[in-house]
């Protein structure tokens, strides 16, 4: 929680949210602020889900965001275990597959639930 608060106070999360906003809207049909929740999900999944609530997302958008959040990348504890078990290269390959899968599934859900 401390790291999240520091990133928030220094404005890094807002900056990253602004940078990712066009991608979030185009790929997933979500507002840019949802990207902050996805970033936080790397540190704490439970906190990230809670951050979606004040965004006023529709039910379809919540399904998309929660699904992408669940698939896209493990929390930092799992990330550490992946490095230990697979090494840096194996973890990078695994992470790439997870991110690609999450983006693909999120995009497909956007088409199904929100239309094109």
PDB file of N, CA and C in Angstrom:
ATOM      1  N   UNK A   1       0.830  -1.185   0.000  1.00  0.00           N
ATOM      2  CA  UNK A   1       0.000   0.000   0.000  1.00  0.00           C
ATOM      3  C   UNK A   1       0.875   1.249   0.000  1.00  0.00           C
ATOM      4  N   UNK A   2       1.994   1.186   0.695  1.00  0.00           N
ATOM      5  CA  UNK A   2       2.902   2.334   0.748  1.00  0.00           C
ATOM      6  C   UNK A   2       3.385   2.722  -0.648  1.00  0.00           C
ATOM      7  N   UNK A   3       3.797   1.721  -1.425  1.00  0.00           N
ATOM      8  CA  UNK A   3       4.301   1.981  -2.779  1.00  0.00           C
ATOM      9  C   UNK A   3       3.208   2.607  -3.639  1.00  0.00           C
ATOM     10  N   UNK A   4       1.997   2.098  -3.525  1.00  0.00           N
ATOM     11  CA  UNK A   4       0.868   2.637  -4.284  1.00  0.00           C
ATOM     12  C   UNK A   4       0.646   4.097  -3.920  1.00  0.00           C
ATOM     13  N   UNK A   5       0.679   4.405  -2.639  1.00  0.00           N
ATOM     14  CA  UNK A   5       0.482   5.788  -2.193  1.00  0.00           C
ATOM     15  C   UNK A   5       1.585   6.710  -2.700  1.00  0.00           C
ATOM     16  N   UNK A   6       2.809   6.253  -2.681  1.00  0.00           N
ATOM     17  CA  UNK A   6       3.919   7.063  -3.183  1.00  0.00           C
ATOM     18  C   UNK A   6       3.741   7.330  -4.677  1.00  0.00           C
ATOM     19  N   UNK A   7       3.415   6.300  -5.438  1.00  0.00           N
ATOM     20  CA  UNK A   7       3.200   6.473  -6.878  1.00  0.00           C
ATOM     21  C   UNK A   7       2.050   7.432  -7.164  1.00  0.00           C
ATOM     22  N   UNK A   8       1.028   7.384  -6.325  1.00  0.00           N
ATOM     23  CA  UNK A   8      -0.121   8.275  -6.498  1.00  0.00           C
ATOM     24  C   UNK A   8       0.256   9.716  -6.171  1.00  0.00           C
ATOM     25  N   UNK A   9       0.945   9.916  -5.051  1.00  0.00           N
ATOM     26  CA  UNK A   9       1.292  11.264  -4.597  1.00  0.00           C
ATOM     27  C   UNK A   9       2.239  11.954  -5.573  1.00  0.00           C
ATOM     28  N   UNK A  10       3.202  11.237  -6.118  1.00  0.00           N
ATOM     29  CA  UNK A  10       4.144  11.867  -7.045  1.00  0.00           C
ATOM     30  C   UNK A  10       3.540  12.081  -8.433  1.00  0.00           C
ATOM     31  N   UNK A  11       2.329  11.589  -8.660  1.00  0.00           N
ATOM     32  CA  UNK A  11       1.641  11.817  -9.925  1.00  0.00           C
ATOM     33  C   UNK A  11       1.954  10.809 -11.013  1.00  0.00           C
ATOM     34  N   UNK A  12       2.726   9.786 -10.683  1.00  0.00           N
ATOM     35  CA  UNK A  12       3.104   8.796 -11.692  1.00  0.00           C
ATOM     36  C   UNK A  12       1.893   8.029 -12.208  1.00  0.00           C
ATOM     37  N   UNK A  13       0.999   7.648 -11.311  1.00  0.00           N
ATOM     38  CA  UNK A  13      -0.177   6.874 -11.736  1.00  0.00           C
ATOM     39  C   UNK A  13      -1.074   7.700 -12.653  1.00  0.00           C
ATOM     40  N   UNK A  14      -1.247   8.980 -12.338  1.00  0.00           N
ATOM     41  CA  UNK A  14      -2.076   9.837 -13.187  1.00  0.00           C
ATOM     42  C   UNK A  14      -1.440  10.004 -14.564  1.00  0.00           C
ATOM     43  N   UNK A  15      -0.131  10.214 -14.589  1.00  0.00           N
ATOM     44  CA  UNK A  15       0.579  10.354 -15.856  1.00  0.00           C
ATOM     45  C   UNK A  15       0.444   9.089 -16.703  1.00  0.00           C
ATOM     46  N   UNK A  16       0.665   7.937 -16.083  1.00  0.00           N
ATOM     47  CA  UNK A  16       0.560   6.673 -16.805  1.00  0.00           C
ATOM     48  C   UNK A  16      -0.869   6.431 -17.283  1.00  0.00           C
ATOM     49  N   UNK A  17      -1.849   6.815 -16.461  1.00  0.00           N
ATOM     50  CA  UNK A  17      -3.247   6.704 -16.862  1.00  0.00           C
ATOM     51  C   UNK A  17      -3.549   7.551 -18.087  1.00  0.00           C
ATOM     52  N   UNK A  18      -2.983   8.766 -18.123  1.00  0.00           N
ATOM     53  CA  UNK A  18      -3.176   9.644 -19.279  1.00  0.00           C
ATOM     54  C   UNK A  18      -2.539   9.053 -20.536  1.00  0.00           C
ATOM     55  N   UNK A  19      -1.367   8.462 -20.381  1.00  0.00           N
ATOM     56  CA  UNK A  19      -0.665   7.864 -21.520  1.00  0.00           C
ATOM     57  C   UNK A  19      -1.439   6.661 -22.063  1.00  0.00           C
ATOM     58  N   UNK A  20      -1.977   5.842 -21.159  1.00  0.00           N
ATOM     59  CA  UNK A  20      -2.670   4.615 -21.568  1.00  0.00           C
ATOM     60  C   UNK A  20      -4.142   4.821 -21.921  1.00  0.00           C
ATOM     61  N   UNK A  21      -4.672   6.000 -21.662  1.00  0.00           N
ATOM     62  CA  UNK A  21      -6.098   6.263 -21.873  1.00  0.00           C
ATOM     63  C   UNK A  21      -6.584   5.938 -23.287  1.00  0.00           C
ATOM     64  N   UNK A  22      -5.908   6.390 -24.342  1.00  0.00           N
ATOM     65  CA  UNK A  22      -6.396   6.059 -25.692  1.00  0.00           C
ATOM     66  C   UNK A  22      -6.441   4.551 -25.952  1.00  0.00           C
ATOM     67  N   UNK A  23      -5.427   3.829 -25.475  1.00  0.00           N
ATOM     68  CA  UNK A  23      -5.400   2.380 -25.656  1.00  0.00           C
ATOM     69  C   UNK A  23      -6.540   1.716 -24.895  1.00  0.00           C
ATOM     70  N   UNK A  24      -6.774   2.147 -23.659  1.00  0.00           N
ATOM     71  CA  UNK A  24      -7.840   1.557 -22.839  1.00  0.00           C
ATOM     72  C   UNK A  24      -9.197   1.732 -23.513  1.00  0.00           C
ATOM     73  N   UNK A  25      -9.416   2.909 -24.065  1.00  0.00           N
ATOM     74  CA  UNK A  25     -10.702   3.175 -24.709  1.00  0.00           C
ATOM     75  C   UNK A  25     -10.839   2.378 -26.006  1.00  0.00           C
ATOM     76  N   UNK A  26      -9.793   2.379 -26.820  1.00  0.00           N
ATOM     77  CA  UNK A  26      -9.851   1.686 -28.106  1.00  0.00           C
ATOM     78  C   UNK A  26      -9.936   0.168 -27.933  1.00  0.00           C
ATOM     79  N   UNK A  27      -9.088  -0.392 -27.087  1.00  0.00           N
ATOM     80  CA  UNK A  27      -9.008  -1.847 -26.970  1.00  0.00           C
ATOM     81  C   UNK A  27     -10.119  -2.444 -26.124  1.00  0.00           C
ATOM     82  N   UNK A  28     -10.460  -1.780 -25.014  1.00  0.00           N
ATOM     83  CA  UNK A  28     -11.378  -2.385 -24.055  1.00  0.00           C
ATOM     84  C   UNK A  28     -12.681  -1.620 -23.850  1.00  0.00           C
ATOM     85  N   UNK A  29     -12.793  -0.423 -24.415  1.00  0.00           N
ATOM     86  CA  UNK A  29     -13.995   0.373 -24.195  1.00  0.00           C
ATOM     87  C   UNK A  29     -14.094   0.897 -22.773  1.00  0.00           C
ATOM     88  N   UNK A  30     -12.947   1.098 -22.140  1.00  0.00           N
ATOM     89  CA  UNK A  30     -12.906   1.558 -20.753  1.00  0.00           C
ATOM     90  C   UNK A  30     -12.332   2.969 -20.686  1.00  0.00           C
ATOM     91  N   UNK A  31     -12.710   3.737 -19.665  1.00  0.00           N
ATOM     92  CA  UNK A  31     -12.104   5.059 -19.498  1.00  0.00           C
ATOM     93  C   UNK A  31     -10.633   4.927 -19.109  1.00  0.00           C
ATOM     94  N   UNK A  32      -9.868   5.964 -19.358  1.00  0.00           N
ATOM     95  CA  UNK A  32      -8.442   5.943 -19.053  1.00  0.00           C
ATOM     96  C   UNK A  32      -8.132   5.687 -17.596  1.00  0.00           C
ATOM     97  N   UNK A  33      -9.023   6.118 -16.709  1.00  0.00           N
ATOM     98  CA  UNK A  33      -8.800   5.926 -15.274  1.00  0.00           C
ATOM     99  C   UNK A  33      -8.729   4.444 -14.908  1.00  0.00           C
ATOM    100  N   UNK A  34      -9.335   3.596 -15.714  1.00  0.00           N
ATOM    101  CA  UNK A  34      -9.295   2.154 -15.443  1.00  0.00           C
ATOM    102  C   UNK A  34      -7.879   1.606 -15.587  1.00  0.00           C
ATOM    103  N   UNK A  35      -7.039   2.289 -16.359  1.00  0.00           N
ATOM    104  CA  UNK A  35      -5.657   1.827 -16.505  1.00  0.00           C
ATOM    105  C   UNK A  35      -4.908   1.906 -15.183  1.00  0.00           C
ATOM    106  N   UNK A  36      -5.263   2.869 -14.347  1.00  0.00           N
ATOM    107  CA  UNK A  36      -4.624   2.976 -13.035  1.00  0.00           C
ATOM    108  C   UNK A  36      -4.937   1.735 -12.210  1.00  0.00           C
ATOM    109  N   UNK A  37      -6.175   1.272 -12.267  1.00  0.00           N
ATOM    110  CA  UNK A  37      -6.547   0.058 -11.531  1.00  0.00           C
ATOM    111  C   UNK A  37      -5.766  -1.147 -12.046  1.00  0.00           C
ATOM    112  N   UNK A  38      -5.561  -1.223 -13.350  1.00  0.00           N
ATOM    113  CA  UNK A  38      -4.798  -2.342 -13.908  1.00  0.00           C
ATOM    114  C   UNK A  38      -3.335  -2.291 -13.470  1.00  0.00           C
ATOM    115  N   UNK A  39      -2.790  -1.099 -13.385  1.00  0.00           N
ATOM    116  CA  UNK A  39      -1.409  -0.944 -12.926  1.00  0.00           C
ATOM    117  C   UNK A  39      -1.293  -1.349 -11.456  1.00  0.00           C
ATOM    118  N   UNK A  40      -2.245  -0.902 -10.656  1.00  0.00           N
ATOM    119  CA  UNK A  40      -2.262  -1.243  -9.231  1.00  0.00           C
ATOM    120  C   UNK A  40      -2.412  -2.756  -9.066  1.00  0.00           C
ATOM    121  N   UNK A  41      -3.090  -3.395 -10.000  1.00  0.00           N
ATOM    122  CA  UNK A  41      -3.298  -4.838  -9.927  1.00  0.00           C
ATOM    123  C   UNK A  41      -2.011  -5.631  -9.868  1.00  0.00           C
ATOM    124  N   UNK A  42      -0.940  -5.072 -10.406  1.00  0.00           N
ATOM    125  CA  UNK A  42       0.354  -5.742 -10.315  1.00  0.00           C
ATOM    126  C   UNK A  42       0.813  -5.825  -8.861  1.00  0.00           C
ATOM    127  N   UNK A  43       0.497  -4.795  -8.092  1.00  0.00           N
ATOM    128  CA  UNK A  43       0.909  -4.776  -6.688  1.00  0.00           C
ATOM    129  C   UNK A  43      -0.108  -5.461  -5.785  1.00  0.00           C
ATOM    130  N   UNK A  44      -1.399  -5.145  -6.010  1.00  0.00           N
ATOM    131  CA  UNK A  44      -2.453  -5.716  -5.159  1.00  0.00           C
ATOM    132  C   UNK A  44      -3.727  -5.881  -5.974  1.00  0.00           C
ATOM    133  N   UNK A  45      -4.082  -7.117  -6.281  1.00  0.00           N
ATOM    134  CA  UNK A  45      -5.281  -7.399  -7.081  1.00  0.00           C
ATOM    135  C   UNK A  45      -6.547  -6.938  -6.364  1.00  0.00           C
ATOM    136  N   UNK A  46      -6.646  -7.191  -5.063  1.00  0.00           N
ATOM    137  CA  UNK A  46      -7.854  -6.834  -4.330  1.00  0.00           C
ATOM    138  C   UNK A  46      -8.082  -5.326  -4.323  1.00  0.00           C
ATOM    139  N   UNK A  47      -7.031  -4.559  -4.198  1.00  0.00           N
ATOM    140  CA  UNK A  47      -7.139  -3.109  -4.218  1.00  0.00           C
ATOM    141  C   UNK A  47      -7.563  -2.622  -5.604  1.00  0.00           C
ATOM    142  N   UNK A  48      -7.051  -3.264  -6.636  1.00  0.00           N
ATOM    143  CA  UNK A  48      -7.366  -2.869  -8.006  1.00  0.00           C
ATOM    144  C   UNK A  48      -8.849  -3.032  -8.312  1.00  0.00           C
ATOM    145  N   UNK A  49      -9.435  -4.125  -7.864  1.00  0.00           N
ATOM    146  CA  UNK A  49     -10.867  -4.344  -8.095  1.00  0.00           C
ATOM    147  C   UNK A  49     -11.675  -3.256  -7.394  1.00  0.00           C
ATOM    148  N   UNK A  50     -11.280  -2.910  -6.192  1.00  0.00           N
ATOM    149  CA  UNK A  50     -11.965  -1.848  -5.458  1.00  0.00           C
ATOM    150  C   UNK A  50     -11.850  -0.495  -6.133  1.00  0.00           C
ATOM    151  N   UNK A  51     -10.761  -0.265  -6.858  1.00  0.00           N
ATOM    152  CA  UNK A  51     -10.574   1.012  -7.548  1.00  0.00           C
ATOM    153  C   UNK A  51     -11.487   1.160  -8.759  1.00  0.00           C
ATOM    154  N   UNK A  52     -12.055   0.066  -9.232  1.00  0.00           N
ATOM    155  CA  UNK A  52     -12.970   0.144 -10.375  1.00  0.00           C
ATOM    156  C   UNK A  52     -14.325   0.712  -9.968  1.00  0.00           C
ATOM    157  N   UNK A  53     -14.687   0.532  -8.717  1.00  0.00           N
ATOM    158  CA  UNK A  53     -16.015   0.917  -8.243  1.00  0.00           C
ATOM    159  C   UNK A  53     -16.350   2.392  -8.458  1.00  0.00           C
ATOM    160  N   UNK A  54     -15.491   3.338  -8.058  1.00  0.00           N
ATOM    161  CA  UNK A  54     -15.860   4.750  -8.202  1.00  0.00           C
ATOM    162  C   UNK A  54     -15.841   5.274  -9.637  1.00  0.00           C
ATOM    163  N   UNK A  55     -15.458   4.456 -10.588  1.00  0.00           N
ATOM    164  CA  UNK A  55     -15.378   4.918 -11.973  1.00  0.00           C
ATOM    165  C   UNK A  55     -16.734   4.971 -12.663  1.00  0.00           C
ATOM    166  N   UNK A  56     -17.759   4.412 -12.041  1.00  0.00           N
ATOM    167  CA  UNK A  56     -19.094   4.441 -12.633  1.00  0.00           C
ATOM    168  C   UNK A  56     -19.195   3.640 -13.916  1.00  0.00           C
ATOM    169  N   UNK A  57     -18.527   2.510 -13.960  1.00  0.00           N
ATOM    170  CA  UNK A  57     -18.546   1.676 -15.160  1.00  0.00           C
ATOM    171  C   UNK A  57     -19.869   0.933 -15.278  1.00  0.00           C
ATOM    172  N   UNK A  58     -20.255   0.649 -16.508  1.00  0.00           N
ATOM    173  CA  UNK A  58     -21.443  -0.172 -16.740  1.00  0.00           C
ATOM    174  C   UNK A  58     -21.113  -1.612 -16.356  1.00  0.00           C
ATOM    175  N   UNK A  59     -22.140  -2.448 -16.296  1.00  0.00           N
ATOM    176  CA  UNK A  59     -21.920  -3.861 -15.960  1.00  0.00           C
ATOM    177  C   UNK A  59     -20.994  -4.517 -16.980  1.00  0.00           C
ATOM    178  N   UNK A  60     -21.182  -4.208 -18.256  1.00  0.00           N
ATOM    179  CA  UNK A  60     -20.335  -4.789 -19.302  1.00  0.00           C
ATOM    180  C   UNK A  60     -18.888  -4.331 -19.140  1.00  0.00           C
ATOM    181  N   UNK A  61     -18.687  -3.054 -18.847  1.00  0.00           N
ATOM    182  CA  UNK A  61     -17.332  -2.543 -18.646  1.00  0.00           C
ATOM    183  C   UNK A  61     -16.670  -3.174 -17.421  1.00  0.00           C
ATOM    184  N   UNK A  62     -17.450  -3.387 -16.365  1.00  0.00           N
ATOM    185  CA  UNK A  62     -16.904  -4.040 -15.173  1.00  0.00           C
ATOM    186  C   UNK A  62     -16.471  -5.472 -15.474  1.00  0.00           C
ATOM    187  N   UNK A  63     -17.259  -6.173 -16.279  1.00  0.00           N
ATOM    188  CA  UNK A  63     -16.891  -7.538 -16.663  1.00  0.00           C
ATOM    189  C   UNK A  63     -15.581  -7.522 -17.448  1.00  0.00           C
ATOM    190  N   UNK A  64     -15.461  -6.598 -18.388  1.00  0.00           N
ATOM    191  CA  UNK A  64     -14.239  -6.496 -19.190  1.00  0.00           C
ATOM    192  C   UNK A  64     -13.042  -6.173 -18.296  1.00  0.00           C
ATOM    193  N   UNK A  65     -13.184  -5.155 -17.460  1.00  0.00           N
ATOM    194  CA  UNK A  65     -12.074  -4.731 -16.597  1.00  0.00           C
ATOM    195  C   UNK A  65     -11.661  -5.832 -15.626  1.00  0.00           C
ATOM    196  N   UNK A  66     -12.627  -6.479 -14.997  1.00  0.00           N
ATOM    197  CA  UNK A  66     -12.310  -7.537 -14.031  1.00  0.00           C
ATOM    198  C   UNK A  66     -11.658  -8.734 -14.716  1.00  0.00           C
ATOM    199  N   UNK A  67     -12.109  -9.053 -15.921  1.00  0.00           N
ATOM    200  CA  UNK A  67     -11.526 -10.180 -16.655  1.00  0.00           C
ATOM    201  C   UNK A  67     -10.086  -9.881 -17.052  1.00  0.00           C
ATOM    202  N   UNK A  68      -9.857  -8.699 -17.607  1.00  0.00           N
ATOM    203  CA  UNK A  68      -8.496  -8.315 -17.995  1.00  0.00           C
ATOM    204  C   UNK A  68      -7.602  -8.266 -16.761  1.00  0.00           C
ATOM    205  N   UNK A  69      -8.106  -7.701 -15.682  1.00  0.00           N
ATOM    206  CA  UNK A  69      -7.337  -7.620 -14.439  1.00  0.00           C
ATOM    207  C   UNK A  69      -6.957  -9.002 -13.923  1.00  0.00           C
ATOM    208  N   UNK A  70      -7.851  -9.939 -14.052  1.00  0.00           N
ATOM    209  CA  UNK A  70      -7.593 -11.294 -13.575  1.00  0.00           C
ATOM    210  C   UNK A  70      -6.546 -12.010 -14.425  1.00  0.00           C
ATOM    211  N   UNK A  71      -6.581 -11.781 -15.733  1.00  0.00           N
ATOM    212  CA  UNK A  71      -5.708 -12.518 -16.649  1.00  0.00           C
ATOM    213  C   UNK A  71      -4.350 -11.857 -16.853  1.00  0.00           C
ATOM    214  N   UNK A  72      -4.303 -10.529 -16.888  1.00  0.00           N
ATOM    215  CA  UNK A  72      -3.165  -9.859 -17.506  1.00  0.00           C
ATOM    216  C   UNK A  72      -1.803 -10.095 -16.868  1.00  0.00           C
ATOM    217  N   UNK A  73      -1.705 -10.141 -15.576  1.00  0.00           N
ATOM    218  CA  UNK A  73      -0.399 -10.332 -14.961  1.00  0.00           C
ATOM    219  C   UNK A  73      -0.598 -10.738 -13.524  1.00  0.00           C
ATOM    220  N   UNK A  74       0.245 -11.596 -13.022  1.00  0.00           N
ATOM    221  CA  UNK A  74       0.091 -12.006 -11.625  1.00  0.00           C
ATOM    222  C   UNK A  74       0.491 -10.875 -10.684  1.00  0.00           C
ATOM    223  N   UNK A  75       0.127 -11.008  -9.443  1.00  0.00           N
ATOM    224  CA  UNK A  75       0.550 -10.025  -8.455  1.00  0.00           C
ATOM    225  C   UNK A  75       2.060 -10.148  -8.251  1.00  0.00           C
ATOM    226  N   UNK A  76       2.614  -9.223  -7.534  1.00  0.00           N
ATOM    227  CA  UNK A  76       4.069  -9.173  -7.377  1.00  0.00           C
ATOM    228  C   UNK A  76       4.622 -10.424  -6.694  1.00  0.00           C
ATOM    229  N   UNK A  77       3.857 -11.025  -5.789  1.00  0.00           N
ATOM    230  CA  UNK A  77       4.326 -12.245  -5.121  1.00  0.00           C
ATOM    231  C   UNK A  77       4.474 -13.388  -6.131  1.00  0.00           C
ATOM    232  N   UNK A  78       3.489 -13.547  -6.999  1.00  0.00           N
ATOM    233  CA  UNK A  78       3.556 -14.587  -8.028  1.00  0.00           C
ATOM    234  C   UNK A  78       4.668 -14.279  -9.023  1.00  0.00           C
ATOM    235  N   UNK A  79       4.819 -13.017  -9.345  1.00  0.00           N
ATOM    236  CA  UNK A  79       5.880 -12.556 -10.238  1.00  0.00           C
ATOM    237  C   UNK A  79       7.249 -12.977  -9.691  1.00  0.00           C
ATOM    238  N   UNK A  80       7.450 -12.813  -8.400  1.00  0.00           N
ATOM    239  CA  UNK A  80       8.707 -13.188  -7.760  1.00  0.00           C
ATOM    240  C   UNK A  80       8.944 -14.694  -7.842  1.00  0.00           C
ATOM    241  N   UNK A  81       7.897 -15.470  -7.616  1.00  0.00           N
ATOM    242  CA  UNK A  81       8.018 -16.929  -7.705  1.00  0.00           C
ATOM    243  C   UNK A  81       8.327 -17.350  -9.141  1.00  0.00           C
ATOM    244  N   UNK A  82       7.695 -16.689 -10.119  1.00  0.00           N
ATOM    245  CA  UNK A  82       7.980 -17.006 -11.525  1.00  0.00           C
ATOM    246  C   UNK A  82       9.450 -16.773 -11.859  1.00  0.00           C
ATOM    247  N   UNK A  83      10.006 -15.688 -11.357  1.00  0.00           N
ATOM    248  CA  UNK A  83      11.426 -15.415 -11.605  1.00  0.00           C
ATOM    249  C   UNK A  83      12.284 -16.510 -10.978  1.00  0.00           C
ATOM    250  N   UNK A  84      11.932 -16.895  -9.765  1.00  0.00           N
ATOM    251  CA  UNK A  84      12.710 -17.923  -9.063  1.00  0.00           C
ATOM    252  C   UNK A  84      12.622 -19.275  -9.780  1.00  0.00           C
ATOM    253  N   UNK A  85      11.425 -19.627 -10.231  1.00  0.00           N
ATOM    254  CA  UNK A  85      11.211 -20.937 -10.854  1.00  0.00           C
ATOM    255  C   UNK A  85      11.640 -20.992 -12.321  1.00  0.00           C
ATOM    256  N   UNK A  86      11.362 -19.926 -13.076  1.00  0.00           N
ATOM    257  CA  UNK A  86      11.595 -19.942 -14.522  1.00  0.00           C
ATOM    258  C   UNK A  86      12.810 -19.145 -14.964  1.00  0.00           C
ATOM    259  N   UNK A  87      13.327 -18.308 -14.095  1.00  0.00           N
ATOM    260  CA  UNK A  87      14.398 -17.402 -14.482  1.00  0.00           C
ATOM    261  C   UNK A  87      13.803 -16.178 -15.170  1.00  0.00           C
ATOM    262  N   UNK A  88      14.648 -15.211 -15.439  1.00  0.00           N
ATOM    263  CA  UNK A  88      14.187 -13.954 -16.043  1.00  0.00           C
ATOM    264  C   UNK A  88      13.594 -14.190 -17.432  1.00  0.00           C
ATOM    265  N   UNK A  89      14.274 -14.972 -18.264  1.00  0.00           N
ATOM    266  CA  UNK A  89      13.779 -15.219 -19.624  1.00  0.00           C
ATOM    267  C   UNK A  89      12.439 -15.946 -19.612  1.00  0.00           C
ATOM    268  N   UNK A  90      12.341 -16.980 -18.804  1.00  0.00           N
ATOM    269  CA  UNK A  90      11.094 -17.733 -18.718  1.00  0.00           C
ATOM    270  C   UNK A  90       9.954 -16.892 -18.180  1.00  0.00           C
ATOM    271  N   UNK A  91      10.261 -16.063 -17.184  1.00  0.00           N
ATOM    272  CA  UNK A  91       9.238 -15.177 -16.635  1.00  0.00           C
ATOM    273  C   UNK A  91       8.800 -14.158 -17.678  1.00  0.00           C
ATOM    274  N   UNK A  92       9.753 -13.608 -18.428  1.00  0.00           N
ATOM    275  CA  UNK A  92       9.416 -12.632 -19.464  1.00  0.00           C
ATOM    276  C   UNK A  92       8.534 -13.264 -20.541  1.00  0.00           C
ATOM    277  N   UNK A  93       8.853 -14.478 -20.932  1.00  0.00           N
ATOM    278  CA  UNK A  93       8.027 -15.179 -21.922  1.00  0.00           C
ATOM    279  C   UNK A  93       6.637 -15.440 -21.367  1.00  0.00           C
ATOM    280  N   UNK A  94       6.571 -15.890 -20.136  1.00  0.00           N
ATOM    281  CA  UNK A  94       5.289 -16.157 -19.493  1.00  0.00           C
ATOM    282  C   UNK A  94       4.463 -14.880 -19.364  1.00  0.00           C
ATOM    283  N   UNK A  95       5.107 -13.800 -18.954  1.00  0.00           N
ATOM    284  CA  UNK A  95       4.415 -12.517 -18.804  1.00  0.00           C
ATOM    285  C   UNK A  95       3.909 -12.012 -20.153  1.00  0.00           C
ATOM    286  N   UNK A  96       4.709 -12.179 -21.193  1.00  0.00           N
ATOM    287  CA  UNK A  96       4.289 -11.749 -22.535  1.00  0.00           C
ATOM    288  C   UNK A  96       3.045 -12.502 -22.986  1.00  0.00           C
ATOM    289  N   UNK A  97       3.022 -13.793 -22.731  1.00  0.00           N
ATOM    290  CA  UNK A  97       1.852 -14.600 -23.095  1.00  0.00           C
ATOM    291  C   UNK A  97       0.625 -14.145 -22.310  1.00  0.00           C
ATOM    292  N   UNK A  98       0.802 -13.876 -21.011  1.00  0.00           N
ATOM    293  CA  UNK A  98      -0.332 -13.430 -20.188  1.00  0.00           C
ATOM    294  C   UNK A  98      -0.875 -12.086 -20.654  1.00  0.00           C
ATOM    295  N   UNK A  99       0.018 -11.150 -20.948  1.00  0.00           N
ATOM    296  CA  UNK A  99      -0.422  -9.828 -21.399  1.00  0.00           C
ATOM    297  C   UNK A  99      -1.117  -9.935 -22.752  1.00  0.00           C
ATOM    298  N   UNK A 100      -0.542 -10.691 -23.680  1.00  0.00           N
ATOM    299  CA  UNK A 100      -1.165 -10.867 -25.000  1.00  0.00           C
ATOM    300  C   UNK A 100      -2.535 -11.527 -24.876  1.00  0.00           C
ATOM    301  N   UNK A 101      -2.643 -12.511 -24.011  1.00  0.00           N
ATOM    302  CA  UNK A 101      -3.930 -13.179 -23.792  1.00  0.00           C
ATOM    303  C   UNK A 101      -4.944 -12.217 -23.197  1.00  0.00           C
ATOM    304  N   UNK A 102      -4.527 -11.434 -22.219  1.00  0.00           N
ATOM    305  CA  UNK A 102      -5.441 -10.486 -21.574  1.00  0.00           C
ATOM    306  C   UNK A 102      -5.943  -9.441 -22.562  1.00  0.00           C
ATOM    307  N   UNK A 103      -5.043  -8.910 -23.389  1.00  0.00           N
ATOM    308  CA  UNK A 103      -5.452  -7.906 -24.379  1.00  0.00           C
ATOM    309  C   UNK A 103      -6.409  -8.523 -25.388  1.00  0.00           C
ATOM    310  N   UNK A 104      -6.114  -9.721 -25.855  1.00  0.00           N
ATOM    311  CA  UNK A 104      -6.981 -10.396 -26.823  1.00  0.00           C
ATOM    312  C   UNK A 104      -8.359 -10.670 -26.235  1.00  0.00           C
ATOM    313  N   UNK A 105      -8.394 -11.234 -25.036  1.00  0.00           N
ATOM    314  CA  UNK A 105      -9.675 -11.540 -24.389  1.00  0.00           C
ATOM    315  C   UNK A 105     -10.450 -10.253 -24.111  1.00  0.00           C
ATOM    316  N   UNK A 106      -9.768  -9.214 -23.625  1.00  0.00           N
ATOM    317  CA  UNK A 106     -10.433  -7.937 -23.364  1.00  0.00           C
ATOM    318  C   UNK A 106     -11.023  -7.331 -24.625  1.00  0.00           C
ATOM    319  N   UNK A 107     -10.285  -7.400 -25.728  1.00  0.00           N
ATOM    320  CA  UNK A 107     -10.762  -6.872 -27.001  1.00  0.00           C
ATOM    321  C   UNK A 107     -11.978  -7.652 -27.488  1.00  0.00           C
ATOM    322  N   UNK A 108     -11.918  -8.971 -27.393  1.00  0.00           N
ATOM    323  CA  UNK A 108     -13.052  -9.807 -27.810  1.00  0.00           C
ATOM    324  C   UNK A 108     -14.273  -9.524 -26.936  1.00  0.00           C
ATOM    325  N   UNK A 109     -14.066  -9.392 -25.635  1.00  0.00           N
ATOM    326  CA  UNK A 109     -15.186  -9.063 -24.741  1.00  0.00           C
ATOM    327  C   UNK A 109     -15.782  -7.702 -25.080  1.00  0.00           C
ATOM    328  N   UNK A 110     -14.926  -6.738 -25.423  1.00  0.00           N
ATOM    329  CA  UNK A 110     -15.438  -5.419 -25.812  1.00  0.00           C
ATOM    330  C   UNK A 110     -16.349  -5.524 -27.027  1.00  0.00           C
ATOM    331  N   UNK A 111     -15.934  -6.311 -28.011  1.00  0.00           N
ATOM    332  CA  UNK A 111     -16.751  -6.483 -29.213  1.00  0.00           C
ATOM    333  C   UNK A 111     -18.070  -7.172 -28.867  1.00  0.00           C
ATOM    334  N   UNK A 112     -18.008  -8.215 -28.048  1.00  0.00           N
ATOM    335  CA  UNK A 112     -19.215  -8.967 -27.693  1.00  0.00           C
ATOM    336  C   UNK A 112     -20.156  -8.140 -26.817  1.00  0.00           C
ATOM    337  N   UNK A 113     -19.614  -7.491 -25.788  1.00  0.00           N
ATOM    338  CA  UNK A 113     -20.460  -6.819 -24.796  1.00  0.00           C
ATOM    339  C   UNK A 113     -20.810  -5.376 -25.141  1.00  0.00           C
ATOM    340  N   UNK A 114     -19.899  -4.672 -25.801  1.00  0.00           N
ATOM    341  CA  UNK A 114     -20.134  -3.255 -26.088  1.00  0.00           C
ATOM    342  C   UNK A 114     -20.356  -2.974 -27.565  1.00  0.00           C
ATOM    343  N   UNK A 115     -20.078  -3.933 -28.407  1.00  0.00           N
ATOM    344  CA  UNK A 115     -20.163  -3.701 -29.848  1.00  0.00           C
ATOM    345  C   UNK A 115     -18.868  -3.090 -30.339  1.00  0.00           C
ATOM    346  N   UNK A 116     -18.792  -2.873 -31.628  1.00  0.00           N
ATOM    347  CA  UNK A 116     -17.546  -2.368 -32.222  1.00  0.00           C
ATOM    348  C   UNK A 116     -17.400  -0.924 -32.044  1.00  0.00           C
TER     349      UNK A 116
END
